[in-house]
C-alpha atoms as a PDB file:
ATOM      1  CA  UNK A   1     153.903 238.118 -35.322  1.00  0.00           C
ATOM      2  CA  UNK A   2     155.868 234.830 -34.536  1.00  0.00           C
ATOM      3  CA  UNK A   3     154.695 233.151 -31.459  1.00  0.00           C
ATOM      4  CA  UNK A   4     157.090 231.544 -29.038  1.00  0.00           C
ATOM      5  CA  UNK A   5     157.325 227.842 -29.574  1.00  0.00           C
ATOM      6  CA  UNK A   6     156.338 226.008 -26.398  1.00  0.00           C
ATOM      7  CA  UNK A   7     159.647 224.099 -26.437  1.00  0.00           C
ATOM      8  CA  UNK A   8     161.566 227.379 -26.213  1.00  0.00           C
ATOM      9  CA  UNK A   9     159.910 228.790 -23.009  1.00  0.00           C
ATOM     10  CA  UNK A  10     162.040 226.509 -20.937  1.00  0.00           C
ATOM     11  CA  UNK A  11     165.305 227.386 -22.548  1.00  0.00           C
ATOM     12  CA  UNK A  12     164.547 231.085 -22.307  1.00  0.00           C
ATOM     13  CA  UNK A  13     163.558 230.603 -18.543  1.00  0.00           C
ATOM     14  CA  UNK A  14     166.840 228.689 -17.977  1.00  0.00           C
ATOM     15  CA  UNK A  15     168.773 231.366 -19.746  1.00  0.00           C
ATOM     16  CA  UNK A  16     167.031 234.131 -17.619  1.00  0.00           C
ATOM     17  CA  UNK A  17     168.068 232.473 -14.160  1.00  0.00           C
ATOM     18  CA  UNK A  18     170.615 235.200 -14.104  1.00  0.00           C
ATOM     19  CA  UNK A  19     169.036 238.818 -13.927  1.00  0.00           C
ATOM     20  CA  UNK A  20     171.823 241.398 -14.295  1.00  0.00           C
ATOM     21  CA  UNK A  21     169.477 244.265 -13.500  1.00  0.00           C
ATOM     22  CA  UNK A  22     168.112 242.721 -10.293  1.00  0.00           C
ATOM     23  CA  UNK A  23     171.620 241.380  -9.397  1.00  0.00           C
ATOM     24  CA  UNK A  24     170.300 237.877  -9.086  1.00  0.00           C
ATOM     25  CA  UNK A  25     171.601 234.546 -10.063  1.00  0.00           C
ATOM     26  CA  UNK A  26     169.479 231.430  -9.349  1.00  0.00           C
ATOM     27  CA  UNK A  27     172.418 229.135 -10.393  1.00  0.00           C
ATOM     28  CA  UNK A  28     174.903 231.251  -8.347  1.00  0.00           C
ATOM     29  CA  UNK A  29     172.792 230.369  -5.292  1.00  0.00           C
ATOM     30  CA  UNK A  30     174.198 226.939  -5.309  1.00  0.00           C
ATOM     31  CA  UNK A  31     172.860 223.320  -5.739  1.00  0.00           C
ATOM     32  CA  UNK A  32     169.733 223.822  -3.603  1.00  0.00           C
ATOM     33  CA  UNK A  33     168.577 226.699  -5.775  1.00  0.00           C
ATOM     34  CA  UNK A  34     169.202 224.710  -8.664  1.00  0.00           C
ATOM     35  CA  UNK A  35     167.145 221.760  -7.462  1.00  0.00           C
ATOM     36  CA  UNK A  36     164.342 224.076  -6.414  1.00  0.00           C
ATOM     37  CA  UNK A  37     164.328 225.497  -9.924  1.00  0.00           C
ATOM     38  CA  UNK A  38     164.175 222.083 -11.519  1.00  0.00           C
ATOM     39  CA  UNK A  39     161.117 221.373  -9.308  1.00  0.00           C
ATOM     40  CA  UNK A  40     159.441 224.695 -10.114  1.00  0.00           C
ATOM     41  CA  UNK A  41     159.764 224.110 -13.912  1.00  0.00           C
ATOM     42  CA  UNK A  42     158.558 220.421 -13.316  1.00  0.00           C
ATOM     43  CA  UNK A  43     161.619 218.840 -14.678  1.00  0.00           C
ATOM     44  CA  UNK A  44     161.538 216.456 -11.761  1.00  0.00           C
ATOM     45  CA  UNK A  45     158.951 215.187  -9.407  1.00  0.00           C
ATOM     46  CA  UNK A  46     161.039 215.534  -6.017  1.00  0.00           C
ATOM     47  CA  UNK A  47     163.859 217.749  -5.274  1.00  0.00           C
ATOM     48  CA  UNK A  48     167.079 216.247  -6.508  1.00  0.00           C
ATOM     49  CA  UNK A  49     170.318 216.297  -4.573  1.00  0.00           C
ATOM     50  CA  UNK A  50     172.877 218.081  -6.747  1.00  0.00           C
ATOM     51  CA  UNK A  51     176.478 219.187  -6.420  1.00  0.00           C
ATOM     52  CA  UNK A  52     178.706 222.082  -6.937  1.00  0.00           C
ATOM     53  CA  UNK A  53     179.767 220.370 -10.143  1.00  0.00           C
ATOM     54  CA  UNK A  54     176.255 220.174 -11.409  1.00  0.00           C
ATOM     55  CA  UNK A  55     175.812 223.911 -10.719  1.00  0.00           C
ATOM     56  CA  UNK A  56     179.006 224.433 -12.881  1.00  0.00           C
ATOM     57  CA  UNK A  57     177.661 222.352 -15.687  1.00  0.00           C
ATOM     58  CA  UNK A  58     174.427 224.367 -15.597  1.00  0.00           C
ATOM     59  CA  UNK A  59     176.235 227.586 -15.549  1.00  0.00           C
ATOM     60  CA  UNK A  60     178.441 226.591 -18.475  1.00  0.00           C
ATOM     61  CA  UNK A  61     175.492 225.654 -20.768  1.00  0.00           C
ATOM     62  CA  UNK A  62     173.667 228.760 -19.807  1.00  0.00           C
ATOM     63  CA  UNK A  63     176.797 231.031 -20.524  1.00  0.00           C
ATOM     64  CA  UNK A  64     177.010 229.147 -23.907  1.00  0.00           C
ATOM     65  CA  UNK A  65     173.488 229.709 -25.076  1.00  0.00           C
ATOM     66  CA  UNK A  66     173.410 233.250 -23.630  1.00  0.00           C
ATOM     67  CA  UNK A  67     176.459 234.162 -25.812  1.00  0.00           C
ATOM     68  CA  UNK A  68     174.746 232.669 -28.828  1.00  0.00           C
ATOM     69  CA  UNK A  69     171.526 234.808 -27.962  1.00  0.00           C
ATOM     70  CA  UNK A  70     173.607 238.088 -27.714  1.00  0.00           C
ATOM     71  CA  UNK A  71     175.309 237.050 -31.088  1.00  0.00           C
ATOM     72  CA  UNK A  72     171.897 237.095 -32.515  1.00  0.00           C
ATOM     73  CA  UNK A  73     171.944 240.851 -32.021  1.00  0.00           C
ATOM     74  CA  UNK A  74     175.018 241.292 -34.148  1.00  0.00           C
ATOM     75  CA  UNK A  75     177.389 241.042 -31.235  1.00  0.00           C
ATOM     76  CA  UNK A  76     180.664 238.870 -31.630  1.00  0.00           C
ATOM     77  CA  UNK A  77     180.268 235.387 -30.339  1.00  0.00           C
ATOM     78  CA  UNK A  78     182.046 234.833 -26.795  1.00  0.00           C
ATOM     79  CA  UNK A  79     183.971 231.625 -27.916  1.00  0.00           C
ATOM     80  CA  UNK A  80     185.069 230.756 -24.392  1.00  0.00           C
ATOM     81  CA  UNK A  81     181.547 230.512 -23.260  1.00  0.00           C
ATOM     82  CA  UNK A  82     180.434 228.537 -26.224  1.00  0.00           C
ATOM     83  CA  UNK A  83     183.402 226.098 -25.815  1.00  0.00           C
ATOM     84  CA  UNK A  84     182.370 225.618 -22.067  1.00  0.00           C
ATOM     85  CA  UNK A  85     178.896 224.640 -23.073  1.00  0.00           C
ATOM     86  CA  UNK A  86     180.235 222.377 -25.742  1.00  0.00           C
ATOM     87  CA  UNK A  87     182.115 220.525 -23.101  1.00  0.00           C
ATOM     88  CA  UNK A  88     178.914 220.055 -20.997  1.00  0.00           C
ATOM     89  CA  UNK A  89     176.750 218.868 -24.151  1.00  0.00           C
ATOM     90  CA  UNK A  90     179.476 216.232 -24.942  1.00  0.00           C
ATOM     91  CA  UNK A  91     178.520 214.677 -21.415  1.00  0.00           C
ATOM     92  CA  UNK A  92     174.884 214.398 -22.053  1.00  0.00           C
ATOM     93  CA  UNK A  93     173.640 211.028 -23.326  1.00  0.00           C
ATOM     94  CA  UNK A  94     171.522 212.019 -26.319  1.00  0.00           C
ATOM     95  CA  UNK A  95     169.621 209.778 -28.496  1.00  0.00           C
ATOM     96  CA  UNK A  96     167.613 210.216 -31.748  1.00  0.00           C
ATOM     97  CA  UNK A  97     164.277 208.957 -31.963  1.00  0.00           C
ATOM     98  CA  UNK A  98     162.575 208.113 -35.178  1.00  0.00           C
ATOM     99  CA  UNK A  99     159.013 209.475 -35.757  1.00  0.00           C
ATOM    100  CA  UNK A 100     155.996 207.260 -35.943  1.00  0.00           C
ATOM    101  CA  UNK A 101     154.441 210.089 -37.787  1.00  0.00           C
ATOM    102  CA  UNK A 102     156.593 211.345 -40.677  1.00  0.00           C
ATOM    103  CA  UNK A 103     155.253 214.586 -40.690  1.00  0.00           C
ATOM    104  CA  UNK A 104     157.147 215.409 -37.192  1.00  0.00           C
ATOM    105  CA  UNK A 105     160.701 214.420 -38.091  1.00  0.00           C
ATOM    106  CA  UNK A 106     163.194 212.825 -35.701  1.00  0.00           C
ATOM    107  CA  UNK A 107     163.222 213.847 -32.084  1.00  0.00           C
ATOM    108  CA  UNK A 108     166.521 214.340 -30.144  1.00  0.00           C
ATOM    109  CA  UNK A 109     165.962 213.361 -26.388  1.00  0.00           C
ATOM    110  CA  UNK A 110     168.436 212.516 -23.516  1.00  0.00           C
ATOM    111  CA  UNK A 111     168.651 208.989 -22.466  1.00  0.00           C
ATOM    112  CA  UNK A 112     169.384 209.327 -18.804  1.00  0.00           C
ATOM    113  CA  UNK A 113     168.049 208.668 -15.469  1.00  0.00           C
ATOM    114  CA  UNK A 114     170.047 211.681 -14.109  1.00  0.00           C
ATOM    115  CA  UNK A 115     167.772 214.631 -13.285  1.00  0.00           C
ATOM    116  CA  UNK A 116     170.203 217.178 -14.143  1.00  0.00           C
ATOM    117  CA  UNK A 117     171.391 215.612 -17.434  1.00  0.00           C
ATOM    118  CA  UNK A 118     167.786 215.020 -18.501  1.00  0.00           C
ATOM    119  CA  UNK A 119     166.916 218.732 -17.694  1.00  0.00           C
ATOM    120  CA  UNK A 120     170.039 220.080 -19.383  1.00  0.00           C
ATOM    121  CA  UNK A 121     169.190 217.773 -22.427  1.00  0.00           C
ATOM    122  CA  UNK A 122     165.709 219.105 -22.584  1.00  0.00           C
ATOM    123  CA  UNK A 123     167.158 222.579 -22.728  1.00  0.00           C
ATOM    124  CA  UNK A 124     169.831 221.483 -25.342  1.00  0.00           C
ATOM    125  CA  UNK A 125     167.211 219.818 -27.686  1.00  0.00           C
ATOM    126  CA  UNK A 126     165.002 222.690 -27.502  1.00  0.00           C
ATOM    127  CA  UNK A 127     167.843 224.921 -28.789  1.00  0.00           C
ATOM    128  CA  UNK A 128     168.684 222.250 -31.431  1.00  0.00           C
ATOM    129  CA  UNK A 129     165.122 222.171 -32.696  1.00  0.00           C
ATOM    130  CA  UNK A 130     165.136 225.930 -32.888  1.00  0.00           C
ATOM    131  CA  UNK A 131     168.264 226.139 -34.920  1.00  0.00           C
ATOM    132  CA  UNK A 132     167.001 223.443 -37.332  1.00  0.00           C
ATOM    133  CA  UNK A 133     163.647 225.341 -37.781  1.00  0.00           C
ATOM    134  CA  UNK A 134     165.277 228.642 -38.086  1.00  0.00           C
ATOM    135  CA  UNK A 135     163.818 230.022 -34.881  1.00  0.00           C
ATOM    136  CA  UNK A 136     167.006 230.353 -32.804  1.00  0.00           C
ATOM    137  CA  UNK A 137     167.782 233.710 -34.310  1.00  0.00           C
ATOM    138  CA  UNK A 138     164.714 234.938 -32.811  1.00  0.00           C
ATOM    139  CA  UNK A 139     166.144 234.360 -29.361  1.00  0.00           C
ATOM    140  CA  UNK A 140     167.969 237.511 -28.468  1.00  0.00           C
ATOM    141  CA  UNK A 141     169.989 238.750 -25.483  1.00  0.00           C
ATOM    142  CA  UNK A 142     169.300 242.540 -24.729  1.00  0.00           C
ATOM    143  CA  UNK A 143     172.581 244.183 -25.529  1.00  0.00           C
ATOM    144  CA  UNK A 144     172.027 246.629 -22.593  1.00  0.00           C
ATOM    145  CA  UNK A 145     174.978 245.937 -20.162  1.00  0.00           C
ATOM    146  CA  UNK A 146     172.769 246.665 -17.275  1.00  0.00           C
ATOM    147  CA  UNK A 147     169.949 244.228 -18.467  1.00  0.00           C
ATOM    148  CA  UNK A 148     171.148 241.340 -20.524  1.00  0.00           C
ATOM    149  CA  UNK A 149     167.545 239.911 -20.477  1.00  0.00           C
ATOM    150  CA  UNK A 150     166.969 236.963 -23.001  1.00  0.00           C
ATOM    151  CA  UNK A 151     163.688 237.430 -24.930  1.00  0.00           C
ATOM    152  CA  UNK A 152     161.785 235.989 -27.861  1.00  0.00           C
ATOM    153  CA  UNK A 153     161.665 238.390 -30.970  1.00  0.00           C
ATOM    154  CA  UNK A 154     158.178 238.214 -31.928  1.00  0.00           C
ATOM    155  CA  UNK A 155     158.110 240.959 -34.415  1.00  0.00           C
ATOM    156  CA  UNK A 156     157.146 240.278 -38.009  1.00  0.00           C
ATOM    157  CA  UNK A 157     160.459 241.076 -39.566  1.00  0.00           C
ATOM    158  CA  UNK A 158     162.706 239.615 -36.762  1.00  0.00           C
ATOM    159  CA  UNK A 159     164.369 243.009 -36.093  1.00  0.00           C
ATOM    160  CA  UNK A 160     163.737 243.625 -32.376  1.00  0.00           C
ATOM    161  CA  UNK A 161     166.906 244.511 -30.668  1.00  0.00           C
ATOM    162  CA  UNK A 162     165.929 245.367 -27.027  1.00  0.00           C
ATOM    163  CA  UNK A 163     164.051 243.385 -24.534  1.00  0.00           C
ATOM    164  CA  UNK A 164     161.768 246.433 -23.941  1.00  0.00           C
ATOM    165  CA  UNK A 165     161.835 249.688 -26.207  1.00  0.00           C
ATOM    166  CA  UNK A 166     160.246 251.396 -23.331  1.00  0.00           C
ATOM    167  CA  UNK A 167     162.972 250.501 -20.935  1.00  0.00           C
ATOM    168  CA  UNK A 168     166.322 249.540 -22.535  1.00  0.00           C
ATOM    169  CA  UNK A 169     165.688 250.884 -25.996  1.00  0.00           C
ATOM    170  CA  UNK A 170     164.646 254.262 -24.478  1.00  0.00           C
ATOM    171  CA  UNK A 171     167.783 254.312 -22.166  1.00  0.00           C
ATOM    172  CA  UNK A 172     170.091 253.599 -25.248  1.00  0.00           C
ATOM    173  CA  UNK A 173     168.404 256.356 -27.231  1.00  0.00           C
ATOM    174  CA  UNK A 174     168.689 258.796 -24.307  1.00  0.00           C
ATOM    175  CA  UNK A 175     172.388 258.013 -23.852  1.00  0.00           C
ATOM    176  CA  UNK A 176     172.990 258.344 -27.529  1.00  0.00           C
ATOM    177  CA  UNK A 177     171.146 261.775 -27.615  1.00  0.00           C
ATOM    178  CA  UNK A 178     173.143 262.997 -24.763  1.00  0.00           C
ATOM    179  CA  UNK A 179     176.497 261.930 -26.403  1.00  0.00           C
ATOM    180  CA  UNK A 180     175.704 263.603 -29.550  1.00  0.00           C
ATOM    181  CA  UNK A 181     174.532 266.677 -28.151  1.00  0.00           C
ATOM    182  CA  UNK A 182     177.489 266.950 -25.381  1.00  0.00           C
ATOM    183  CA  UNK A 183     178.922 270.431 -25.262  1.00  0.00           C
ATOM    184  CA  UNK A 184     182.256 270.494 -27.007  1.00  0.00           C
ATOM    185  CA  UNK A 185     185.053 271.776 -24.794  1.00  0.00           C
ATOM    186  CA  UNK A 186     186.360 275.146 -25.561  1.00  0.00           C
END
């Protein structure tokens, strides 16, 4: 079983700021809700003043990363979502820091005093580190259209498809069974 790297917790939490099943979207609730989330996740000490453009940037990054997480289950990549995220990434001031300890390798960080740029940069650098380590393929978005939860596949062979076999996996199997056993029209 592969444990979730600590740096990925923030990224997965960010990707799950939208909950399809519950019908909630923290980013959709506006700048104040995003500011509260940043404080809750300890990405800033005091509540920042954010704008609608900040929410759009955060939403675009989330959409792109969620599209890549869904692609990890074999679904096609939503290229428009990825391109929107790339535009956000192009605005973030990244810098590479060389390690003092050669065992750790270089670290990408954001060089910004802007709270949102720093937060989105932390999320993006966690994605980058996971992609380099080969761990990003374990970040999946549940393919159930009524769920879409992002989760870490901790299975030994990295073959988990559903966020929960008990819920989404069972629903899919039940639907498939009903479809296979549907009476044929006479």
